[in-house]
N, C-alpha and C. Protein backbone atom coordinates (compact mmCIF):
# COMPACT_ATOMS: atom_id res chain seq x y z
N MET A 1 95.07 76.27 50.58
CA MET A 1 95.15 77.70 50.78
C MET A 1 93.94 78.40 50.13
N ARG A 2 93.53 77.88 48.96
CA ARG A 2 92.36 78.48 48.29
C ARG A 2 91.11 78.32 49.16
N ILE A 3 90.95 77.14 49.76
CA ILE A 3 89.77 76.89 50.59
C ILE A 3 89.75 77.86 51.76
N LEU A 4 90.88 78.11 52.37
CA LEU A 4 90.96 79.04 53.48
C LEU A 4 90.59 80.45 53.03
N ALA A 5 91.09 80.86 51.85
CA ALA A 5 90.78 82.20 51.33
C ALA A 5 89.29 82.32 50.99
N CYS A 6 88.72 81.27 50.37
CA CYS A 6 87.29 81.29 50.04
C CYS A 6 86.44 81.33 51.31
N SER A 7 86.81 80.52 52.29
CA SER A 7 86.07 80.51 53.54
C SER A 7 86.12 81.86 54.23
N LEU A 8 87.28 82.48 54.22
CA LEU A 8 87.43 83.81 54.82
C LEU A 8 86.58 84.84 54.08
N ALA A 9 86.58 84.77 52.73
CA ALA A 9 85.81 85.72 51.92
C ALA A 9 84.31 85.54 52.16
N VAL A 10 83.85 84.29 52.18
CA VAL A 10 82.43 84.03 52.40
C VAL A 10 82.03 84.48 53.81
N GLY A 11 82.85 84.20 54.79
CA GLY A 11 82.56 84.63 56.16
C GLY A 11 82.50 86.13 56.28
N LEU A 12 83.42 86.83 55.63
CA LEU A 12 83.46 88.29 55.66
C LEU A 12 82.23 88.88 54.99
N LEU A 13 81.84 88.33 53.81
CA LEU A 13 80.64 88.81 53.11
C LEU A 13 79.38 88.55 53.93
N THR A 14 79.32 87.41 54.58
CA THR A 14 78.17 87.10 55.42
C THR A 14 78.08 88.07 56.59
N ALA A 15 79.20 88.35 57.22
CA ALA A 15 79.21 89.28 58.35
C ALA A 15 78.77 90.67 57.92
N VAL A 16 79.24 91.12 56.76
CA VAL A 16 78.86 92.45 56.25
C VAL A 16 77.38 92.48 55.91
N ALA A 17 76.86 91.41 55.29
CA ALA A 17 75.45 91.36 54.92
C ALA A 17 74.56 91.35 56.16
N LEU A 18 74.95 90.62 57.19
CA LEU A 18 74.13 90.53 58.39
C LEU A 18 74.10 91.84 59.16
N THR A 19 75.12 92.64 59.08
CA THR A 19 75.10 93.91 59.80
C THR A 19 74.11 94.87 59.17
N GLY A 20 73.78 94.68 57.90
CA GLY A 20 72.82 95.54 57.22
C GLY A 20 71.39 95.10 57.43
N CYS A 21 71.17 93.92 57.98
CA CYS A 21 69.82 93.41 58.21
C CYS A 21 69.22 94.07 59.44
N GLY A 22 67.90 94.02 59.54
CA GLY A 22 67.29 94.52 60.77
C GLY A 22 66.19 95.51 60.52
N GLY A 23 65.75 95.68 59.28
CA GLY A 23 64.57 96.49 59.03
C GLY A 23 64.79 97.98 59.06
N GLY A 24 65.91 98.46 58.59
CA GLY A 24 66.07 99.89 58.42
C GLY A 24 66.91 100.57 59.47
N GLY A 25 67.55 99.85 60.32
CA GLY A 25 68.47 100.49 61.25
C GLY A 25 67.78 100.93 62.53
N THR A 26 68.55 101.63 63.37
CA THR A 26 68.07 102.06 64.68
C THR A 26 67.87 103.56 64.66
N SER A 27 66.80 104.01 65.29
CA SER A 27 66.55 105.44 65.39
C SER A 27 67.57 106.05 66.35
N THR A 28 68.08 107.22 66.01
CA THR A 28 69.08 107.84 66.87
C THR A 28 68.46 108.51 68.08
N SER A 29 67.13 108.70 68.05
CA SER A 29 66.50 109.36 69.19
C SER A 29 66.13 108.37 70.30
N GLU A 30 66.23 107.09 70.02
CA GLU A 30 65.91 106.10 71.03
C GLU A 30 67.16 105.33 71.41
N THR A 31 67.24 105.01 72.66
CA THR A 31 68.34 104.19 73.13
C THR A 31 67.94 102.73 72.99
N PRO A 32 68.75 101.94 72.28
CA PRO A 32 68.37 100.54 72.12
C PRO A 32 68.38 99.82 73.47
N LYS A 33 67.41 98.92 73.62
CA LYS A 33 67.33 98.14 74.85
C LYS A 33 68.12 96.87 74.66
N PRO A 34 68.84 96.45 75.69
CA PRO A 34 69.60 95.22 75.56
C PRO A 34 68.67 94.02 75.44
N ALA A 35 69.07 93.08 74.61
CA ALA A 35 68.28 91.87 74.44
C ALA A 35 68.52 90.96 75.62
N THR A 36 67.45 90.38 76.12
CA THR A 36 67.60 89.45 77.23
C THR A 36 67.10 88.10 76.78
N ALA A 37 67.78 87.08 77.17
CA ALA A 37 67.38 85.73 76.82
C ALA A 37 66.75 85.08 78.03
N THR A 38 65.66 84.40 77.79
CA THR A 38 65.03 83.65 78.87
C THR A 38 65.14 82.19 78.53
N THR A 39 65.39 81.40 79.50
CA THR A 39 65.47 79.97 79.26
C THR A 39 64.45 79.28 80.14
N ALA A 40 63.85 78.28 79.56
CA ALA A 40 62.88 77.49 80.31
C ALA A 40 63.64 76.50 81.16
N PRO A 41 63.13 76.18 82.33
CA PRO A 41 63.81 75.19 83.16
C PRO A 41 63.83 73.85 82.44
N ALA A 42 64.92 73.15 82.58
CA ALA A 42 65.06 71.87 81.91
C ALA A 42 64.13 70.85 82.57
N ALA A 43 63.50 70.05 81.74
CA ALA A 43 62.60 69.03 82.25
C ALA A 43 63.42 67.83 82.69
N ALA A 44 62.98 67.20 83.73
CA ALA A 44 63.68 66.02 84.21
C ALA A 44 63.50 64.90 83.20
N PRO A 45 64.54 64.13 82.92
CA PRO A 45 64.40 63.05 81.94
C PRO A 45 63.45 61.98 82.47
N ALA A 46 62.63 61.48 81.55
CA ALA A 46 61.68 60.43 81.93
C ALA A 46 62.38 59.09 81.86
N THR A 47 62.10 58.25 82.81
CA THR A 47 62.68 56.92 82.78
C THR A 47 61.56 55.92 82.79
N ALA A 48 61.74 54.85 82.04
CA ALA A 48 60.74 53.81 81.97
C ALA A 48 61.42 52.49 82.26
N PRO A 49 60.70 51.57 82.87
CA PRO A 49 61.31 50.28 83.13
C PRO A 49 61.61 49.56 81.83
N ALA A 50 62.65 48.77 81.82
CA ALA A 50 63.02 48.01 80.64
C ALA A 50 62.00 46.91 80.41
N PRO A 51 61.69 46.61 79.12
CA PRO A 51 60.71 45.56 78.85
C PRO A 51 61.27 44.20 79.25
N ALA A 52 60.39 43.30 79.62
CA ALA A 52 60.80 41.95 79.96
C ALA A 52 61.31 41.25 78.72
N ALA A 53 62.16 40.28 78.91
CA ALA A 53 62.75 39.55 77.78
C ALA A 53 61.65 38.92 76.96
N GLY A 54 61.76 39.05 75.62
CA GLY A 54 60.80 38.44 74.71
C GLY A 54 59.55 39.27 74.47
N THR A 55 59.45 40.48 75.03
CA THR A 55 58.27 41.33 74.81
C THR A 55 58.70 42.56 74.06
N THR A 56 57.73 43.22 73.45
CA THR A 56 58.01 44.47 72.75
C THR A 56 57.33 45.60 73.49
N GLN A 57 57.91 46.76 73.36
CA GLN A 57 57.35 47.93 74.03
C GLN A 57 57.24 49.03 73.01
N SER A 58 56.07 49.67 72.95
CA SER A 58 55.93 50.80 72.06
C SER A 58 56.15 52.06 72.87
N THR A 59 56.84 53.00 72.27
CA THR A 59 57.16 54.24 72.96
C THR A 59 56.01 55.22 72.77
N PRO A 60 55.43 55.74 73.85
CA PRO A 60 54.34 56.70 73.69
C PRO A 60 54.88 58.01 73.13
N PRO A 61 54.02 58.77 72.40
CA PRO A 61 54.48 60.05 71.86
C PRO A 61 54.81 61.02 72.99
N THR A 62 55.79 61.85 72.75
CA THR A 62 56.16 62.85 73.75
C THR A 62 55.59 64.20 73.37
N THR A 63 55.29 64.99 74.38
CA THR A 63 54.77 66.33 74.15
C THR A 63 55.54 67.29 75.02
N ALA A 64 55.52 68.55 74.63
CA ALA A 64 56.17 69.59 75.43
C ALA A 64 55.41 69.72 76.75
N ALA A 65 56.12 70.16 77.77
CA ALA A 65 55.50 70.30 79.09
C ALA A 65 54.30 71.23 79.00
N GLY A 66 53.15 70.77 79.48
CA GLY A 66 51.96 71.60 79.50
C GLY A 66 51.17 71.58 78.20
N ALA A 67 51.69 70.94 77.15
CA ALA A 67 50.98 70.93 75.87
C ALA A 67 49.96 69.81 75.87
N LYS A 68 48.88 70.01 75.12
CA LYS A 68 47.87 68.98 75.00
C LYS A 68 48.29 68.01 73.92
N GLU A 69 48.08 66.72 74.17
CA GLU A 69 48.35 65.74 73.14
C GLU A 69 47.24 65.82 72.12
N GLY A 70 47.58 65.69 70.83
CA GLY A 70 46.57 65.69 69.79
C GLY A 70 46.20 67.08 69.31
N GLY A 71 46.90 68.12 69.67
CA GLY A 71 46.62 69.45 69.17
C GLY A 71 45.71 70.24 70.07
N ASP A 72 45.33 71.41 69.62
CA ASP A 72 44.47 72.29 70.39
C ASP A 72 43.02 71.93 70.11
N GLU A 73 42.37 71.29 71.05
CA GLU A 73 41.02 70.80 70.85
C GLU A 73 39.97 71.88 71.04
N ASP A 74 40.35 73.04 71.55
CA ASP A 74 39.39 74.10 71.80
C ASP A 74 39.00 74.83 70.52
N LEU A 75 39.84 74.80 69.50
CA LEU A 75 39.57 75.52 68.28
C LEU A 75 38.87 74.61 67.27
N ALA A 76 37.72 75.04 66.76
CA ALA A 76 37.01 74.29 65.75
C ALA A 76 37.66 74.55 64.40
N ALA A 77 37.56 73.59 63.52
CA ALA A 77 38.07 73.77 62.17
C ALA A 77 37.25 74.86 61.49
N PRO A 78 37.83 75.57 60.54
CA PRO A 78 37.07 76.62 59.86
C PRO A 78 35.86 76.03 59.13
N LEU A 79 34.81 76.82 59.05
CA LEU A 79 33.57 76.39 58.41
C LEU A 79 33.74 76.42 56.90
N LEU A 80 33.43 75.30 56.25
CA LEU A 80 33.47 75.21 54.79
C LEU A 80 32.15 74.62 54.32
N ALA A 81 31.54 75.22 53.30
CA ALA A 81 30.24 74.77 52.80
C ALA A 81 30.25 74.64 51.29
N TRP A 82 29.58 73.60 50.79
CA TRP A 82 29.44 73.38 49.36
C TRP A 82 27.97 73.13 49.05
N ALA A 83 27.47 73.75 48.00
CA ALA A 83 26.10 73.52 47.53
C ALA A 83 26.13 72.35 46.56
N ASP A 84 25.19 71.42 46.74
CA ASP A 84 25.12 70.25 45.88
C ASP A 84 23.66 69.97 45.57
N SER A 85 23.42 69.21 44.50
CA SER A 85 22.04 68.85 44.15
C SER A 85 22.05 67.54 43.37
N ASP A 86 20.86 66.93 43.26
CA ASP A 86 20.76 65.68 42.51
C ASP A 86 20.81 65.92 41.00
N THR A 87 20.45 67.11 40.56
CA THR A 87 20.55 67.49 39.15
C THR A 87 20.63 69.01 39.07
N ASP A 88 21.05 69.52 37.93
CA ASP A 88 21.09 70.98 37.77
C ASP A 88 20.45 71.43 36.46
N GLU A 89 19.79 70.49 35.77
CA GLU A 89 19.08 70.86 34.54
C GLU A 89 17.98 69.86 34.24
N GLY A 90 16.98 70.34 33.49
CA GLY A 90 15.86 69.49 33.10
C GLY A 90 14.68 70.34 32.68
N LYS A 91 13.61 69.66 32.31
CA LYS A 91 12.40 70.33 31.85
C LYS A 91 11.61 70.89 33.02
N ALA A 92 11.07 72.11 32.82
CA ALA A 92 10.21 72.73 33.83
C ALA A 92 8.84 72.06 33.75
N PRO A 93 8.16 71.86 34.84
CA PRO A 93 8.60 72.15 36.19
C PRO A 93 9.71 71.16 36.61
N LEU A 94 10.81 71.72 37.14
CA LEU A 94 12.00 70.96 37.50
C LEU A 94 12.11 70.86 39.01
N THR A 95 12.05 69.64 39.53
CA THR A 95 12.19 69.41 40.97
C THR A 95 13.64 69.05 41.27
N ILE A 96 14.23 69.76 42.23
CA ILE A 96 15.64 69.54 42.59
C ILE A 96 15.74 69.30 44.09
N GLN A 97 16.50 68.28 44.45
CA GLN A 97 16.83 68.02 45.85
C GLN A 97 18.20 68.65 46.11
N PHE A 98 18.22 69.72 46.91
CA PHE A 98 19.48 70.39 47.25
C PHE A 98 20.09 69.74 48.49
N LYS A 99 21.42 69.88 48.60
CA LYS A 99 22.12 69.33 49.76
C LYS A 99 23.26 70.28 50.14
N ALA A 100 23.34 70.60 51.43
CA ALA A 100 24.44 71.41 51.95
C ALA A 100 25.51 70.47 52.50
N ASP A 101 26.67 70.43 51.86
CA ASP A 101 27.81 69.67 52.37
C ASP A 101 28.64 70.62 53.21
N VAL A 102 28.87 70.27 54.48
CA VAL A 102 29.54 71.18 55.40
C VAL A 102 30.65 70.45 56.14
N GLU A 103 31.77 71.13 56.33
CA GLU A 103 32.87 70.65 57.17
C GLU A 103 33.22 71.72 58.18
N GLY A 104 33.63 71.30 59.36
CA GLY A 104 34.11 72.24 60.38
C GLY A 104 33.00 73.08 60.97
N GLY A 105 33.41 74.21 61.54
CA GLY A 105 32.45 75.10 62.17
C GLY A 105 32.11 74.70 63.59
N THR A 106 31.44 75.61 64.28
CA THR A 106 31.01 75.38 65.65
C THR A 106 29.50 75.25 65.69
N PRO A 107 28.96 74.07 66.01
CA PRO A 107 27.51 73.90 66.04
C PRO A 107 26.86 74.80 67.08
N PRO A 108 25.60 75.13 66.92
CA PRO A 108 24.72 74.73 65.84
C PRO A 108 24.95 75.58 64.58
N LEU A 109 24.62 75.00 63.44
CA LEU A 109 24.77 75.68 62.15
C LEU A 109 23.40 76.17 61.69
N SER A 110 23.40 77.28 60.93
CA SER A 110 22.15 77.76 60.33
C SER A 110 22.36 77.82 58.82
N TYR A 111 21.30 77.53 58.08
CA TYR A 111 21.36 77.44 56.62
C TYR A 111 20.36 78.41 56.01
N VAL A 112 20.72 79.00 54.86
CA VAL A 112 19.78 79.78 54.06
C VAL A 112 20.04 79.44 52.60
N TRP A 113 19.00 78.93 51.95
CA TRP A 113 19.03 78.67 50.51
C TRP A 113 18.17 79.73 49.83
N LYS A 114 18.74 80.42 48.86
CA LYS A 114 18.00 81.37 48.02
C LYS A 114 17.96 80.75 46.63
N PHE A 115 16.76 80.47 46.14
CA PHE A 115 16.61 79.69 44.91
C PHE A 115 16.72 80.51 43.63
N GLY A 116 16.61 81.82 43.72
CA GLY A 116 16.81 82.68 42.55
C GLY A 116 15.62 82.83 41.65
N ASP A 117 14.47 82.30 42.08
CA ASP A 117 13.29 82.40 41.23
C ASP A 117 12.18 83.23 41.87
N GLY A 118 12.51 83.96 42.92
CA GLY A 118 11.53 84.82 43.57
C GLY A 118 10.72 84.14 44.64
N THR A 119 10.90 82.86 44.85
CA THR A 119 10.18 82.15 45.90
C THR A 119 10.87 82.39 47.24
N PRO A 120 10.17 82.12 48.36
CA PRO A 120 10.79 82.35 49.67
C PRO A 120 12.04 81.47 49.88
N ASP A 121 12.95 81.99 50.70
CA ASP A 121 14.17 81.26 51.04
C ASP A 121 13.82 80.06 51.92
N SER A 122 14.73 79.09 51.96
CA SER A 122 14.58 77.94 52.85
C SER A 122 15.69 77.95 53.88
N THR A 123 15.36 77.54 55.10
CA THR A 123 16.37 77.44 56.17
C THR A 123 16.69 75.98 56.48
N GLU A 124 16.25 75.07 55.63
CA GLU A 124 16.58 73.66 55.78
C GLU A 124 17.99 73.41 55.23
N ALA A 125 18.66 72.39 55.74
CA ALA A 125 19.98 72.03 55.24
C ALA A 125 19.87 71.40 53.85
N ASN A 126 18.83 70.60 53.63
CA ASN A 126 18.69 69.86 52.37
C ASN A 126 17.27 69.99 51.82
N PRO A 127 16.90 71.18 51.33
CA PRO A 127 15.52 71.37 50.87
C PRO A 127 15.27 70.80 49.48
N LYS A 128 14.02 70.54 49.19
CA LYS A 128 13.58 70.16 47.85
C LYS A 128 12.87 71.39 47.29
N HIS A 129 13.14 71.72 46.01
CA HIS A 129 12.54 72.92 45.42
C HIS A 129 12.10 72.62 43.98
N VAL A 130 11.00 73.24 43.58
CA VAL A 130 10.48 73.07 42.23
C VAL A 130 10.60 74.40 41.49
N TYR A 131 11.30 74.39 40.35
CA TYR A 131 11.37 75.55 39.45
C TYR A 131 10.23 75.38 38.45
N GLN A 132 9.21 76.27 38.57
CA GLN A 132 7.99 76.15 37.79
C GLN A 132 8.17 76.59 36.33
N LYS A 133 9.00 77.62 36.12
CA LYS A 133 9.14 78.20 34.78
C LYS A 133 10.53 77.92 34.22
N ALA A 134 10.61 77.84 32.89
CA ALA A 134 11.90 77.66 32.22
C ALA A 134 12.76 78.90 32.45
N GLY A 135 14.04 78.70 32.59
CA GLY A 135 14.97 79.80 32.79
C GLY A 135 16.26 79.32 33.43
N LYS A 136 17.21 80.23 33.50
CA LYS A 136 18.48 79.94 34.17
C LYS A 136 18.45 80.63 35.53
N TYR A 137 18.75 79.87 36.58
CA TYR A 137 18.66 80.36 37.94
C TYR A 137 19.98 80.11 38.68
N ARG A 138 20.16 80.89 39.71
CA ARG A 138 21.32 80.70 40.59
C ARG A 138 20.77 80.42 41.99
N ALA A 139 21.10 79.22 42.52
CA ALA A 139 20.69 78.84 43.87
C ALA A 139 21.87 79.08 44.80
N ASP A 140 21.69 79.98 45.75
CA ASP A 140 22.76 80.35 46.69
C ASP A 140 22.55 79.68 48.03
N LEU A 141 23.65 79.19 48.61
CA LEU A 141 23.65 78.60 49.95
C LEU A 141 24.55 79.44 50.84
N GLU A 142 24.06 79.79 52.03
CA GLU A 142 24.90 80.43 53.04
C GLU A 142 24.74 79.65 54.34
N VAL A 143 25.89 79.29 54.94
CA VAL A 143 25.91 78.56 56.20
C VAL A 143 26.65 79.41 57.22
N LYS A 144 26.07 79.52 58.43
CA LYS A 144 26.70 80.26 59.53
C LYS A 144 26.78 79.33 60.73
N ASP A 145 27.84 79.53 61.54
CA ASP A 145 27.95 78.75 62.77
C ASP A 145 27.77 79.63 63.99
N SER A 146 27.76 79.04 65.17
CA SER A 146 27.49 79.79 66.40
C SER A 146 28.65 80.69 66.81
N ALA A 147 29.84 80.50 66.21
CA ALA A 147 30.99 81.36 66.53
C ALA A 147 31.07 82.57 65.60
N GLY A 148 30.12 82.69 64.67
CA GLY A 148 30.11 83.84 63.77
C GLY A 148 30.81 83.59 62.44
N ASP A 149 31.35 82.40 62.23
CA ASP A 149 32.00 82.06 60.96
C ASP A 149 30.92 81.74 59.94
N SER A 150 31.18 82.01 58.66
CA SER A 150 30.21 81.69 57.62
C SER A 150 30.94 81.33 56.33
N ASP A 151 30.22 80.63 55.47
CA ASP A 151 30.74 80.29 54.15
C ASP A 151 29.55 80.17 53.22
N SER A 152 29.79 80.33 51.93
CA SER A 152 28.69 80.25 50.96
C SER A 152 29.17 79.58 49.68
N ASP A 153 28.21 79.11 48.90
CA ASP A 153 28.46 78.50 47.61
C ASP A 153 27.19 78.65 46.80
N TYR A 154 27.24 78.32 45.51
CA TYR A 154 26.05 78.42 44.69
C TYR A 154 26.07 77.36 43.60
N LEU A 155 24.89 77.13 43.02
CA LEU A 155 24.72 76.24 41.89
C LEU A 155 23.99 77.00 40.80
N GLU A 156 24.30 76.69 39.55
CA GLU A 156 23.57 77.26 38.43
C GLU A 156 22.59 76.22 37.95
N ILE A 157 21.34 76.61 37.84
CA ILE A 157 20.25 75.71 37.47
C ILE A 157 19.69 76.13 36.11
N ASP A 158 19.46 75.14 35.23
CA ASP A 158 18.90 75.41 33.91
C ASP A 158 17.61 74.61 33.76
N ALA A 159 16.48 75.32 33.96
CA ALA A 159 15.17 74.72 33.75
C ALA A 159 14.75 75.05 32.33
N GLN A 160 14.46 74.01 31.53
CA GLN A 160 14.15 74.23 30.10
C GLN A 160 12.68 74.20 29.82
């Protein structure tokens, strides 16, 4: 009897709580539109011949009707870029080999390295640069793809 009473109480509380849901109620100046349900036509079941005795059969993956297997191939992964180098400190003049590590994006990619020491920027993916004077520098990398996506990163360089 207790279980029946508890079940009834929980059901009643749930029903009362659900009637209050819905984002603030209905405006009295608008007539609510009836909800309509649409159903997709049922797909015919696929049948496959039974495997011969003593053989194994692997079941191919199933996909929804009209869906591409393996995901949406038209969308490129988002562009991600990381600035890397063979070293980030040493005695001036300090020669550094920079490297742009990139994932995703839509080719072709464009690169801009700003070395932070007043020298011209580089548009190479992996430039070599010499810091002539001692100091602390920030080398910035910006990568853009042909779809307009971009990402950036930087390295801190200490030429002593």
